[in-house]
Amino acid sequence: MNVMERRRSPLPLPVRHALTKVGTDLRDARRRRRIPTATMAERAMISRTTLSKVEKGDPGVSLGIYATVLFVLGLENRVAELIDPRHDAVGLDLEAEALPKRIRAQRTRIGPASD
């Protein structure tokens, strides 16, 4: 990667790798289904150029387009699972640390009722 590319891509390296993997996985899913690029682009209502960007993991492509491509492949449920709290290990650990150490029952006051 040259210096100009690094300046244009402020994404952290792990994010770039993850997007590249997503793109590759989408391309492989399309190929497994034997869907040609022209057909896939038409079904997703995008251009073949945009589909190519998706399959390369281009960060400039909107999440909506990635979600539409997943829908065409029948994988739209994966979008809902992206940040599902059940898969957020750090968040669950932080939440567990914040739990109270003891829980006391509320005391009820016995005495004259005030009007």
PDB file of N, CA and C in Angstrom:
ATOM      1  N   MET A   1       0.848  -1.163   0.000  1.00  0.00           N
ATOM      2  CA  MET A   1       0.000   0.000   0.000  1.00  0.00           C
ATOM      3  C   MET A   1       0.898   1.232   0.000  1.00  0.00           C
ATOM      4  N   ASN A   2       0.625   2.141  -0.898  1.00  0.00           N
ATOM      5  CA  ASN A   2       1.467   3.334  -0.956  1.00  0.00           C
ATOM      6  C   ASN A   2       0.969   4.397   0.020  1.00  0.00           C
ATOM      7  N   VAL A   3       1.735   5.485   0.141  1.00  0.00           N
ATOM      8  CA  VAL A   3       1.438   6.529   1.112  1.00  0.00           C
ATOM      9  C   VAL A   3       0.092   7.181   0.831  1.00  0.00           C
ATOM     10  N   MET A   4      -0.257   7.430  -0.412  1.00  0.00           N
ATOM     11  CA  MET A   4      -1.528   8.061  -0.756  1.00  0.00           C
ATOM     12  C   MET A   4      -2.713   7.190  -0.337  1.00  0.00           C
ATOM     13  N   GLU A   5      -2.603   5.879  -0.510  1.00  0.00           N
ATOM     14  CA  GLU A   5      -3.690   4.992  -0.125  1.00  0.00           C
ATOM     15  C   GLU A   5      -3.893   5.019   1.386  1.00  0.00           C
ATOM     16  N   ARG A   6      -2.817   5.079   2.149  1.00  0.00           N
ATOM     17  CA  ARG A   6      -2.932   5.126   3.599  1.00  0.00           C
ATOM     18  C   ARG A   6      -3.612   6.410   4.046  1.00  0.00           C
ATOM     19  N   ARG A   7      -3.348   7.499   3.368  1.00  0.00           N
ATOM     20  CA  ARG A   7      -3.970   8.770   3.734  1.00  0.00           C
ATOM     21  C   ARG A   7      -5.465   8.760   3.443  1.00  0.00           C
ATOM     22  N   ARG A   8      -5.870   8.094   2.386  1.00  0.00           N
ATOM     23  CA  ARG A   8      -7.277   8.044   2.015  1.00  0.00           C
ATOM     24  C   ARG A   8      -8.050   7.045   2.858  1.00  0.00           C
ATOM     25  N   SER A   9      -7.390   6.086   3.451  1.00  0.00           N
ATOM     26  CA  SER A   9      -8.065   5.045   4.204  1.00  0.00           C
ATOM     27  C   SER A   9      -7.711   5.155   5.685  1.00  0.00           C
ATOM     28  N   PRO A  10      -8.499   5.939   6.442  1.00  0.00           N
ATOM     29  CA  PRO A  10      -8.200   6.108   7.859  1.00  0.00           C
ATOM     30  C   PRO A  10      -8.648   4.927   8.711  1.00  0.00           C
ATOM     31  N   LEU A  11      -9.130   3.885   8.066  1.00  0.00           N
ATOM     32  CA  LEU A  11      -9.621   2.736   8.825  1.00  0.00           C
ATOM     33  C   LEU A  11      -8.474   1.963   9.465  1.00  0.00           C
ATOM     34  N   PRO A  12      -8.695   1.482  10.657  1.00  0.00           N
ATOM     35  CA  PRO A  12      -7.680   0.631  11.283  1.00  0.00           C
ATOM     36  C   PRO A  12      -7.491  -0.647  10.465  1.00  0.00           C
ATOM     37  N   LEU A  13      -6.305  -1.175  10.491  1.00  0.00           N
ATOM     38  CA  LEU A  13      -5.971  -2.361   9.713  1.00  0.00           C
ATOM     39  C   LEU A  13      -6.919  -3.539   9.989  1.00  0.00           C
ATOM     40  N   PRO A  14      -7.266  -3.838  11.249  1.00  0.00           N
ATOM     41  CA  PRO A  14      -8.199  -4.953  11.478  1.00  0.00           C
ATOM     42  C   PRO A  14      -9.564  -4.740  10.816  1.00  0.00           C
ATOM     43  N   VAL A  15     -10.004  -3.488  10.752  1.00  0.00           N
ATOM     44  CA  VAL A  15     -11.287  -3.183  10.104  1.00  0.00           C
ATOM     45  C   VAL A  15     -11.172  -3.414   8.607  1.00  0.00           C
ATOM     46  N   ARG A  16     -10.086  -2.969   8.017  1.00  0.00           N
ATOM     47  CA  ARG A  16      -9.889  -3.195   6.568  1.00  0.00           C
ATOM     48  C   ARG A  16      -9.858  -4.681   6.268  1.00  0.00           C
ATOM     49  N   HIS A  17      -9.171  -5.465   7.102  1.00  0.00           N
ATOM     50  CA  HIS A  17      -9.105  -6.915   6.901  1.00  0.00           C
ATOM     51  C   HIS A  17     -10.497  -7.543   7.033  1.00  0.00           C
ATOM     52  N   ALA A  18     -11.265  -7.078   8.026  1.00  0.00           N
ATOM     53  CA  ALA A  18     -12.609  -7.619   8.229  1.00  0.00           C
ATOM     54  C   ALA A  18     -13.499  -7.318   7.026  1.00  0.00           C
ATOM     55  N   LEU A  19     -13.427  -6.096   6.503  1.00  0.00           N
ATOM     56  CA  LEU A  19     -14.234  -5.743   5.333  1.00  0.00           C
ATOM     57  C   LEU A  19     -13.819  -6.551   4.108  1.00  0.00           C
ATOM     58  N   THR A  20     -12.529  -6.769   3.955  1.00  0.00           N
ATOM     59  CA  THR A  20     -12.053  -7.593   2.838  1.00  0.00           C
ATOM     60  C   THR A  20     -12.605  -9.002   2.961  1.00  0.00           C
ATOM     61  N   LYS A  21     -12.612  -9.531   4.176  1.00  0.00           N
ATOM     62  CA  LYS A  21     -13.161 -10.875   4.391  1.00  0.00           C
ATOM     63  C   LYS A  21     -14.652 -10.909   4.091  1.00  0.00           C
ATOM     64  N   VAL A  22     -15.384  -9.881   4.528  1.00  0.00           N
ATOM     65  CA  VAL A  22     -16.823  -9.817   4.240  1.00  0.00           C
ATOM     66  C   VAL A  22     -17.046  -9.829   2.734  1.00  0.00           C
ATOM     67  N   GLY A  23     -16.296  -9.014   2.019  1.00  0.00           N
ATOM     68  CA  GLY A  23     -16.433  -8.967   0.566  1.00  0.00           C
ATOM     69  C   GLY A  23     -16.135 -10.306  -0.085  1.00  0.00           C
ATOM     70  N   THR A  24     -15.066 -10.934   0.343  1.00  0.00           N
ATOM     71  CA  THR A  24     -14.696 -12.248  -0.202  1.00  0.00           C
ATOM     72  C   THR A  24     -15.770 -13.288   0.111  1.00  0.00           C
ATOM     73  N   ASP A  25     -16.282 -13.251   1.332  1.00  0.00           N
ATOM     74  CA  ASP A  25     -17.337 -14.196   1.718  1.00  0.00           C
ATOM     75  C   ASP A  25     -18.604 -13.980   0.896  1.00  0.00           C
ATOM     76  N   LEU A  26     -18.946 -12.715   0.636  1.00  0.00           N
ATOM     77  CA  LEU A  26     -20.116 -12.425  -0.195  1.00  0.00           C
ATOM     78  C   LEU A  26     -19.911 -12.923  -1.623  1.00  0.00           C
ATOM     79  N   ARG A  27     -18.722 -12.699  -2.158  1.00  0.00           N
ATOM     80  CA  ARG A  27     -18.420 -13.179  -3.507  1.00  0.00           C
ATOM     81  C   ARG A  27     -18.527 -14.705  -3.569  1.00  0.00           C
ATOM     82  N   ASP A  28     -17.965 -15.368  -2.557  1.00  0.00           N
ATOM     83  CA  ASP A  28     -18.022 -16.830  -2.527  1.00  0.00           C
ATOM     84  C   ASP A  28     -19.463 -17.331  -2.400  1.00  0.00           C
ATOM     85  N   ALA A  29     -20.283 -16.641  -1.592  1.00  0.00           N
ATOM     86  CA  ALA A  29     -21.689 -17.032  -1.439  1.00  0.00           C
ATOM     87  C   ALA A  29     -22.427 -16.877  -2.770  1.00  0.00           C
ATOM     88  N   ARG A  30     -22.139 -15.803  -3.493  1.00  0.00           N
ATOM     89  CA  ARG A  30     -22.758 -15.601  -4.811  1.00  0.00           C
ATOM     90  C   ARG A  30     -22.343 -16.704  -5.766  1.00  0.00           C
ATOM     91  N   ARG A  31     -21.077 -17.022  -5.757  1.00  0.00           N
ATOM     92  CA  ARG A  31     -20.571 -18.075  -6.657  1.00  0.00           C
ATOM     93  C   ARG A  31     -21.151 -19.443  -6.307  1.00  0.00           C
ATOM     94  N   ARG A  32     -21.266 -19.755  -5.016  1.00  0.00           N
ATOM     95  CA  ARG A  32     -21.847 -21.036  -4.609  1.00  0.00           C
ATOM     96  C   ARG A  32     -23.282 -21.171  -5.111  1.00  0.00           C
ATOM     97  N   ARG A  33     -23.966 -20.048  -5.192  1.00  0.00           N
ATOM     98  CA  ARG A  33     -25.341 -20.049  -5.682  1.00  0.00           C
ATOM     99  C   ARG A  33     -25.416 -19.960  -7.211  1.00  0.00           C
ATOM    100  N   ARG A  34     -24.245 -19.886  -7.831  1.00  0.00           N
ATOM    101  CA  ARG A  34     -24.137 -19.828  -9.300  1.00  0.00           C
ATOM    102  C   ARG A  34     -24.878 -18.615  -9.878  1.00  0.00           C
ATOM    103  N   ILE A  35     -24.762 -17.476  -9.174  1.00  0.00           N
ATOM    104  CA  ILE A  35     -25.404 -16.248  -9.638  1.00  0.00           C
ATOM    105  C   ILE A  35     -24.362 -15.396 -10.359  1.00  0.00           C
ATOM    106  N   PRO A  36     -24.547 -15.100 -11.632  1.00  0.00           N
ATOM    107  CA  PRO A  36     -23.608 -14.229 -12.351  1.00  0.00           C
ATOM    108  C   PRO A  36     -23.644 -12.804 -11.781  1.00  0.00           C
ATOM    109  N   THR A  37     -22.562 -12.076 -11.953  1.00  0.00           N
ATOM    110  CA  THR A  37     -22.478 -10.715 -11.407  1.00  0.00           C
ATOM    111  C   THR A  37     -23.578  -9.819 -11.955  1.00  0.00           C
ATOM    112  N   ALA A  38     -23.886  -9.916 -13.243  1.00  0.00           N
ATOM    113  CA  ALA A  38     -24.924  -9.062 -13.830  1.00  0.00           C
ATOM    114  C   ALA A  38     -26.280  -9.342 -13.181  1.00  0.00           C
ATOM    115  N   THR A  39     -26.593 -10.594 -12.961  1.00  0.00           N
ATOM    116  CA  THR A  39     -27.869 -10.972 -12.340  1.00  0.00           C
ATOM    117  C   THR A  39     -27.908 -10.496 -10.895  1.00  0.00           C
ATOM    118  N   MET A  40     -26.812 -10.694 -10.186  1.00  0.00           N
ATOM    119  CA  MET A  40     -26.741 -10.278  -8.781  1.00  0.00           C
ATOM    120  C   MET A  40     -26.926  -8.767  -8.665  1.00  0.00           C
ATOM    121  N   ALA A  41     -26.236  -8.021  -9.497  1.00  0.00           N
ATOM    122  CA  ALA A  41     -26.341  -6.562  -9.466  1.00  0.00           C
ATOM    123  C   ALA A  41     -27.780  -6.128  -9.761  1.00  0.00           C
ATOM    124  N   GLU A  42     -28.396  -6.774 -10.720  1.00  0.00           N
ATOM    125  CA  GLU A  42     -29.772  -6.435 -11.079  1.00  0.00           C
ATOM    126  C   GLU A  42     -30.722  -6.720  -9.916  1.00  0.00           C
ATOM    127  N   ARG A  43     -30.579  -7.874  -9.290  1.00  0.00           N
ATOM    128  CA  ARG A  43     -31.445  -8.233  -8.159  1.00  0.00           C
ATOM    129  C   ARG A  43     -31.259  -7.295  -6.979  1.00  0.00           C
ATOM    130  N   ALA A  44     -30.030  -6.837  -6.769  1.00  0.00           N
ATOM    131  CA  ALA A  44     -29.738  -5.930  -5.656  1.00  0.00           C
ATOM    132  C   ALA A  44     -29.997  -4.477  -6.035  1.00  0.00           C
ATOM    133  N   MET A  45     -30.369  -4.243  -7.296  1.00  0.00           N
ATOM    134  CA  MET A  45     -30.635  -2.897  -7.818  1.00  0.00           C
ATOM    135  C   MET A  45     -29.422  -1.977  -7.663  1.00  0.00           C
ATOM    136  N   ILE A  46     -28.254  -2.528  -7.990  1.00  0.00           N
ATOM    137  CA  ILE A  46     -27.013  -1.766  -7.961  1.00  0.00           C
ATOM    138  C   ILE A  46     -26.277  -2.027  -9.274  1.00  0.00           C
ATOM    139  N   SER A  47     -25.238  -1.243  -9.529  1.00  0.00           N
ATOM    140  CA  SER A  47     -24.444  -1.463 -10.741  1.00  0.00           C
ATOM    141  C   SER A  47     -23.449  -2.598 -10.513  1.00  0.00           C
ATOM    142  N   ARG A  48     -22.929  -3.127 -11.598  1.00  0.00           N
ATOM    143  CA  ARG A  48     -21.904  -4.167 -11.471  1.00  0.00           C
ATOM    144  C   ARG A  48     -20.653  -3.596 -10.820  1.00  0.00           C
ATOM    145  N   THR A  49     -20.384  -2.324 -11.062  1.00  0.00           N
ATOM    146  CA  THR A  49     -19.227  -1.671 -10.439  1.00  0.00           C
ATOM    147  C   THR A  49     -19.392  -1.653  -8.914  1.00  0.00           C
ATOM    148  N   THR A  50     -20.592  -1.317  -8.451  1.00  0.00           N
ATOM    149  CA  THR A  50     -20.839  -1.302  -7.007  1.00  0.00           C
ATOM    150  C   THR A  50     -20.739  -2.707  -6.429  1.00  0.00           C
ATOM    151  N   LEU A  51     -21.263  -3.690  -7.150  1.00  0.00           N
ATOM    152  CA  LEU A  51     -21.143  -5.075  -6.691  1.00  0.00           C
ATOM    153  C   LEU A  51     -19.678  -5.467  -6.574  1.00  0.00           C
ATOM    154  N   SER A  52     -18.876  -5.046  -7.533  1.00  0.00           N
ATOM    155  CA  SER A  52     -17.444  -5.334  -7.484  1.00  0.00           C
ATOM    156  C   SER A  52     -16.815  -4.715  -6.235  1.00  0.00           C
ATOM    157  N   LYS A  53     -17.235  -3.486  -5.918  1.00  0.00           N
ATOM    158  CA  LYS A  53     -16.718  -2.831  -4.712  1.00  0.00           C
ATOM    159  C   LYS A  53     -17.135  -3.585  -3.458  1.00  0.00           C
ATOM    160  N   VAL A  54     -18.388  -4.046  -3.430  1.00  0.00           N
ATOM    161  CA  VAL A  54     -18.878  -4.823  -2.285  1.00  0.00           C
ATOM    162  C   VAL A  54     -18.029  -6.069  -2.112  1.00  0.00           C
ATOM    163  N   GLU A  55     -17.776  -6.761  -3.215  1.00  0.00           N
ATOM    164  CA  GLU A  55     -17.032  -8.020  -3.142  1.00  0.00           C
ATOM    165  C   GLU A  55     -15.550  -7.821  -2.850  1.00  0.00           C
ATOM    166  N   LYS A  56     -15.091  -6.578  -2.927  1.00  0.00           N
ATOM    167  CA  LYS A  56     -13.713  -6.261  -2.534  1.00  0.00           C
ATOM    168  C   LYS A  56     -13.665  -5.711  -1.111  1.00  0.00           C
ATOM    169  N   GLY A  57     -14.843  -5.504  -0.500  1.00  0.00           N
ATOM    170  CA  GLY A  57     -14.888  -4.970   0.864  1.00  0.00           C
ATOM    171  C   GLY A  57     -14.630  -3.493   0.939  1.00  0.00           C
ATOM    172  N   ASP A  58     -15.026  -2.758  -0.074  1.00  0.00           N
ATOM    173  CA  ASP A  58     -14.817  -1.302  -0.123  1.00  0.00           C
ATOM    174  C   ASP A  58     -15.585  -0.630   1.017  1.00  0.00           C
ATOM    175  N   PRO A  59     -14.886   0.137   1.884  1.00  0.00           N
ATOM    176  CA  PRO A  59     -15.557   0.786   3.012  1.00  0.00           C
ATOM    177  C   PRO A  59     -16.441   1.958   2.589  1.00  0.00           C
ATOM    178  N   GLY A  60     -16.330   2.408   1.348  1.00  0.00           N
ATOM    179  CA  GLY A  60     -17.139   3.523   0.874  1.00  0.00           C
ATOM    180  C   GLY A  60     -18.541   3.115   0.467  1.00  0.00           C
ATOM    181  N   VAL A  61     -18.798   1.827   0.388  1.00  0.00           N
ATOM    182  CA  VAL A  61     -20.124   1.331   0.028  1.00  0.00           C
ATOM    183  C   VAL A  61     -20.994   1.347   1.283  1.00  0.00           C
ATOM    184  N   SER A  62     -22.230   1.813   1.138  1.00  0.00           N
ATOM    185  CA  SER A  62     -23.097   1.954   2.307  1.00  0.00           C
ATOM    186  C   SER A  62     -23.485   0.596   2.896  1.00  0.00           C
ATOM    187  N   LEU A  63     -23.767   0.628   4.178  1.00  0.00           N
ATOM    188  CA  LEU A  63     -24.203  -0.579   4.868  1.00  0.00           C
ATOM    189  C   LEU A  63     -25.507  -1.095   4.263  1.00  0.00           C
ATOM    190  N   GLY A  64     -26.339  -0.176   3.783  1.00  0.00           N
ATOM    191  CA  GLY A  64     -27.593  -0.566   3.156  1.00  0.00           C
ATOM    192  C   GLY A  64     -27.380  -1.438   1.933  1.00  0.00           C
ATOM    193  N   ILE A  65     -26.356  -1.129   1.164  1.00  0.00           N
ATOM    194  CA  ILE A  65     -26.070  -1.937  -0.023  1.00  0.00           C
ATOM    195  C   ILE A  65     -25.553  -3.310   0.387  1.00  0.00           C
ATOM    196  N   TYR A  66     -24.672  -3.347   1.386  1.00  0.00           N
ATOM    197  CA  TYR A  66     -24.207  -4.652   1.884  1.00  0.00           C
ATOM    198  C   TYR A  66     -25.408  -5.472   2.359  1.00  0.00           C
ATOM    199  N   ALA A  67     -26.338  -4.822   3.089  1.00  0.00           N
ATOM    200  CA  ALA A  67     -27.517  -5.522   3.597  1.00  0.00           C
ATOM    201  C   ALA A  67     -28.401  -6.021   2.457  1.00  0.00           C
ATOM    202  N   THR A  68     -28.524  -5.234   1.395  1.00  0.00           N
ATOM    203  CA  THR A  68     -29.325  -5.650   0.242  1.00  0.00           C
ATOM    204  C   THR A  68     -28.699  -6.850  -0.448  1.00  0.00           C
ATOM    205  N   VAL A  69     -27.389  -6.848  -0.580  1.00  0.00           N
ATOM    206  CA  VAL A  69     -26.696  -7.992  -1.187  1.00  0.00           C
ATOM    207  C   VAL A  69     -26.917  -9.235  -0.323  1.00  0.00           C
ATOM    208  N   LEU A  70     -26.837  -9.079   0.986  1.00  0.00           N
ATOM    209  CA  LEU A  70     -27.119 -10.202   1.885  1.00  0.00           C
ATOM    210  C   LEU A  70     -28.556 -10.694   1.710  1.00  0.00           C
ATOM    211  N   PHE A  71     -29.489  -9.768   1.529  1.00  0.00           N
ATOM    212  CA  PHE A  71     -30.889 -10.136   1.314  1.00  0.00           C
ATOM    213  C   PHE A  71     -31.045 -10.966   0.042  1.00  0.00           C
ATOM    214  N   VAL A  72     -30.400 -10.527  -1.027  1.00  0.00           N
ATOM    215  CA  VAL A  72     -30.484 -11.256  -2.293  1.00  0.00           C
ATOM    216  C   VAL A  72     -29.935 -12.673  -2.127  1.00  0.00           C
ATOM    217  N   LEU A  73     -28.928 -12.822  -1.294  1.00  0.00           N
ATOM    218  CA  LEU A  73     -28.329 -14.135  -1.057  1.00  0.00           C
ATOM    219  C   LEU A  73     -29.103 -14.955  -0.023  1.00  0.00           C
ATOM    220  N   GLY A  74     -30.126 -14.348   0.582  1.00  0.00           N
ATOM    221  CA  GLY A  74     -30.903 -15.052   1.599  1.00  0.00           C
ATOM    222  C   GLY A  74     -30.219 -15.070   2.955  1.00  0.00           C
ATOM    223  N   LEU A  75     -29.330 -14.109   3.185  1.00  0.00           N
ATOM    224  CA  LEU A  75     -28.559 -14.066   4.430  1.00  0.00           C
ATOM    225  C   LEU A  75     -28.839 -12.810   5.255  1.00  0.00           C
ATOM    226  N   GLU A  76     -30.004 -12.187   5.033  1.00  0.00           N
ATOM    227  CA  GLU A  76     -30.302 -10.914   5.690  1.00  0.00           C
ATOM    228  C   GLU A  76     -30.358 -11.009   7.209  1.00  0.00           C
ATOM    229  N   ASN A  77     -30.624 -12.188   7.753  1.00  0.00           N
ATOM    230  CA  ASN A  77     -30.660 -12.332   9.210  1.00  0.00           C
ATOM    231  C   ASN A  77     -29.303 -12.054   9.837  1.00  0.00           C
ATOM    232  N   ARG A  78     -28.241 -12.144   9.077  1.00  0.00           N
ATOM    233  CA  ARG A  78     -26.894 -11.883   9.602  1.00  0.00           C
ATOM    234  C   ARG A  78     -26.718 -10.423  10.002  1.00  0.00           C
ATOM    235  N   VAL A  79     -27.420  -9.516   9.329  1.00  0.00           N
ATOM    236  CA  VAL A  79     -27.303  -8.094   9.647  1.00  0.00           C
ATOM    237  C   VAL A  79     -27.803  -7.843  11.065  1.00  0.00           C
ATOM    238  N   ALA A  80     -28.910  -8.459  11.423  1.00  0.00           N
ATOM    239  CA  ALA A  80     -29.481  -8.276  12.761  1.00  0.00           C
ATOM    240  C   ALA A  80     -28.567  -8.836  13.848  1.00  0.00           C
ATOM    241  N   GLU A  81     -27.725  -9.779  13.505  1.00  0.00           N
ATOM    242  CA  GLU A  81     -26.837 -10.407  14.483  1.00  0.00           C
ATOM    243  C   GLU A  81     -25.514  -9.669  14.654  1.00  0.00           C
ATOM    244  N   LEU A  82     -25.264  -8.656  13.835  1.00  0.00           N
ATOM    245  CA  LEU A  82     -23.971  -7.967  13.878  1.00  0.00           C
ATOM    246  C   LEU A  82     -23.595  -7.493  15.277  1.00  0.00           C
ATOM    247  N   ILE A  83     -24.483  -6.792  15.932  1.00  0.00           N
ATOM    248  CA  ILE A  83     -24.157  -6.272  17.258  1.00  0.00           C
ATOM    249  C   ILE A  83     -25.166  -6.737  18.304  1.00  0.00           C
ATOM    250  N   ASP A  84     -25.641  -7.936  18.130  1.00  0.00           N
ATOM    251  CA  ASP A  84     -26.553  -8.543  19.091  1.00  0.00           C
ATOM    252  C   ASP A  84     -25.879  -8.555  20.460  1.00  0.00           C
ATOM    253  N   PRO A  85     -26.541  -8.029  21.484  1.00  0.00           N
ATOM    254  CA  PRO A  85     -25.923  -7.966  22.811  1.00  0.00           C
ATOM    255  C   PRO A  85     -25.460  -9.326  23.339  1.00  0.00           C
ATOM    256  N   ARG A  86     -26.091 -10.394  22.907  1.00  0.00           N
ATOM    257  CA  ARG A  86     -25.679 -11.724  23.378  1.00  0.00           C
ATOM    258  C   ARG A  86     -24.281 -12.096  22.903  1.00  0.00           C
ATOM    259  N   HIS A  87     -23.801 -11.428  21.855  1.00  0.00           N
ATOM    260  CA  HIS A  87     -22.468 -11.725  21.317  1.00  0.00           C
ATOM    261  C   HIS A  87     -21.441 -10.668  21.722  1.00  0.00           C
ATOM    262  N   ASP A  88     -21.824  -9.745  22.595  1.00  0.00           N
ATOM    263  CA  ASP A  88     -20.946  -8.657  23.026  1.00  0.00           C
ATOM    264  C   ASP A  88     -20.267  -9.046  24.333  1.00  0.00           C
ATOM    265  N   ALA A  89     -19.179  -9.789  24.238  1.00  0.00           N
ATOM    266  CA  ALA A  89     -18.488 -10.302  25.424  1.00  0.00           C
ATOM    267  C   ALA A  89     -18.014  -9.173  26.335  1.00  0.00           C
ATOM    268  N   VAL A  90     -17.458  -8.116  25.773  1.00  0.00           N
ATOM    269  CA  VAL A  90     -16.958  -7.006  26.591  1.00  0.00           C
ATOM    270  C   VAL A  90     -18.119  -6.324  27.316  1.00  0.00           C
ATOM    271  N   GLY A  91     -19.199  -6.049  26.591  1.00  0.00           N
ATOM    272  CA  GLY A  91     -20.364  -5.416  27.203  1.00  0.00           C
ATOM    273  C   GLY A  91     -20.970  -6.266  28.301  1.00  0.00           C
ATOM    274  N   LEU A  92     -21.043  -7.573  28.076  1.00  0.00           N
ATOM    275  CA  LEU A  92     -21.579  -8.472  29.093  1.00  0.00           C
ATOM    276  C   LEU A  92     -20.687  -8.511  30.327  1.00  0.00           C
ATOM    277  N   ASP A  93     -19.372  -8.493  30.133  1.00  0.00           N
ATOM    278  CA  ASP A  93     -18.446  -8.476  31.269  1.00  0.00           C
ATOM    279  C   ASP A  93     -18.592  -7.185  32.069  1.00  0.00           C
ATOM    280  N   LEU A  94     -18.690  -6.046  31.359  1.00  0.00           N
ATOM    281  CA  LEU A  94     -18.849  -4.763  32.047  1.00  0.00           C
ATOM    282  C   LEU A  94     -20.164  -4.716  32.812  1.00  0.00           C
ATOM    283  N   GLU A  95     -21.202  -5.250  32.214  1.00  0.00           N
ATOM    284  CA  GLU A  95     -22.492  -5.288  32.873  1.00  0.00           C
ATOM    285  C   GLU A  95     -22.432  -6.162  34.129  1.00  0.00           C
ATOM    286  N   ALA A  96     -21.753  -7.291  34.051  1.00  0.00           N
ATOM    287  CA  ALA A  96     -21.632  -8.186  35.197  1.00  0.00           C
ATOM    288  C   ALA A  96     -20.853  -7.521  36.330  1.00  0.00           C
ATOM    289  N   GLU A  97     -19.838  -6.742  36.000  1.00  0.00           N
ATOM    290  CA  GLU A  97     -19.055  -6.041  37.026  1.00  0.00           C
ATOM    291  C   GLU A  97     -19.878  -4.986  37.731  1.00  0.00           C
ATOM    292  N   ALA A  98     -20.861  -4.418  37.042  1.00  0.00           N
ATOM    293  CA  ALA A  98     -21.666  -3.336  37.617  1.00  0.00           C
ATOM    294  C   ALA A  98     -22.834  -3.850  38.456  1.00  0.00           C
ATOM    295  N   LEU A  99     -23.026  -5.160  38.506  1.00  0.00           N
ATOM    296  CA  LEU A  99     -24.119  -5.697  39.311  1.00  0.00           C
ATOM    297  C   LEU A  99     -23.860  -5.402  40.777  1.00  0.00           C
ATOM    298  N   PRO A 100     -24.935  -5.113  41.521  1.00  0.00           N
ATOM    299  CA  PRO A 100     -24.738  -4.833  42.952  1.00  0.00           C
ATOM    300  C   PRO A 100     -24.232  -6.074  43.676  1.00  0.00           C
ATOM    301  N   LYS A 101     -23.443  -5.840  44.722  1.00  0.00           N
ATOM    302  CA  LYS A 101     -22.894  -6.950  45.500  1.00  0.00           C
ATOM    303  C   LYS A 101     -23.964  -7.567  46.392  1.00  0.00           C
ATOM    304  N   ARG A 102     -24.831  -6.695  46.948  1.00  0.00           N
ATOM    305  CA  ARG A 102     -25.903  -7.179  47.816  1.00  0.00           C
ATOM    306  C   ARG A 102     -27.188  -6.473  47.432  1.00  0.00           C
ATOM    307  N   ILE A 103     -28.272  -7.166  47.655  1.00  0.00           N
ATOM    308  CA  ILE A 103     -29.582  -6.565  47.417  1.00  0.00           C
ATOM    309  C   ILE A 103     -30.378  -6.724  48.700  1.00  0.00           C
ATOM    310  N   ARG A 104     -30.845  -5.614  49.215  1.00  0.00           N
ATOM    311  CA  ARG A 104     -31.606  -5.633  50.460  1.00  0.00           C
ATOM    312  C   ARG A 104     -33.083  -5.461  50.149  1.00  0.00           C
ATOM    313  N   ALA A 105     -33.885  -6.131  50.929  1.00  0.00           N
ATOM    314  CA  ALA A 105     -35.334  -5.999  50.779  1.00  0.00           C
ATOM    315  C   ALA A 105     -35.760  -4.633  51.295  1.00  0.00           C
ATOM    316  N   GLN A 106     -36.789  -4.079  50.723  1.00  0.00           N
ATOM    317  CA  GLN A 106     -37.319  -2.793  51.171  1.00  0.00           C
ATOM    318  C   GLN A 106     -37.983  -2.977  52.534  1.00  0.00           C
ATOM    319  N   ARG A 107     -37.729  -2.059  53.429  1.00  0.00           N
ATOM    320  CA  ARG A 107     -38.384  -2.104  54.739  1.00  0.00           C
ATOM    321  C   ARG A 107     -39.734  -1.412  54.622  1.00  0.00           C
ATOM    322  N   THR A 108     -40.727  -2.014  55.222  1.00  0.00           N
ATOM    323  CA  THR A 108     -42.029  -1.349  55.251  1.00  0.00           C
ATOM    324  C   THR A 108     -42.171  -0.638  56.575  1.00  0.00           C
ATOM    325  N   ARG A 109     -42.702   0.541  56.530  1.00  0.00           N
ATOM    326  CA  ARG A 109     -42.881   1.343  57.751  1.00  0.00           C
ATOM    327  C   ARG A 109     -44.205   0.961  58.399  1.00  0.00           C
ATOM    328  N   ILE A 110     -44.137   0.732  59.661  1.00  0.00           N
ATOM    329  CA  ILE A 110     -45.336   0.424  60.430  1.00  0.00           C
ATOM    330  C   ILE A 110     -45.618   1.633  61.331  1.00  0.00           C
ATOM    331  N   GLY A 111     -46.777   2.123  61.241  1.00  0.00           N
ATOM    332  CA  GLY A 111     -47.111   3.279  62.067  1.00  0.00           C
ATOM    333  C   GLY A 111     -48.337   3.969  61.504  1.00  0.00           C
ATOM    334  N   PRO A 112     -48.645   5.124  62.080  1.00  0.00           N
ATOM    335  CA  PRO A 112     -49.848   5.827  61.624  1.00  0.00           C
ATOM    336  C   PRO A 112     -49.704   6.284  60.183  1.00  0.00           C
ATOM    337  N   ALA A 113     -50.743   6.135  59.457  1.00  0.00           N
ATOM    338  CA  ALA A 113     -50.770   6.577  58.068  1.00  0.00           C
ATOM    339  C   ALA A 113     -50.965   8.070  58.034  1.00  0.00           C
ATOM    340  N   SER A 114     -50.283   8.714  57.173  1.00  0.00           N
ATOM    341  CA  SER A 114     -50.437  10.153  57.044  1.00  0.00           C
ATOM    342  C   SER A 114     -51.455  10.464  55.955  1.00  0.00           C
ATOM    343  N   ASP A 115     -52.253  11.488  56.173  1.00  0.00           N
ATOM    344  CA  ASP A 115     -53.300  11.842  55.212  1.00  0.00           C
ATOM    345  C   ASP A 115     -52.788  12.821  54.225  1.00  0.00           C
TER     346      ASP A 115
END
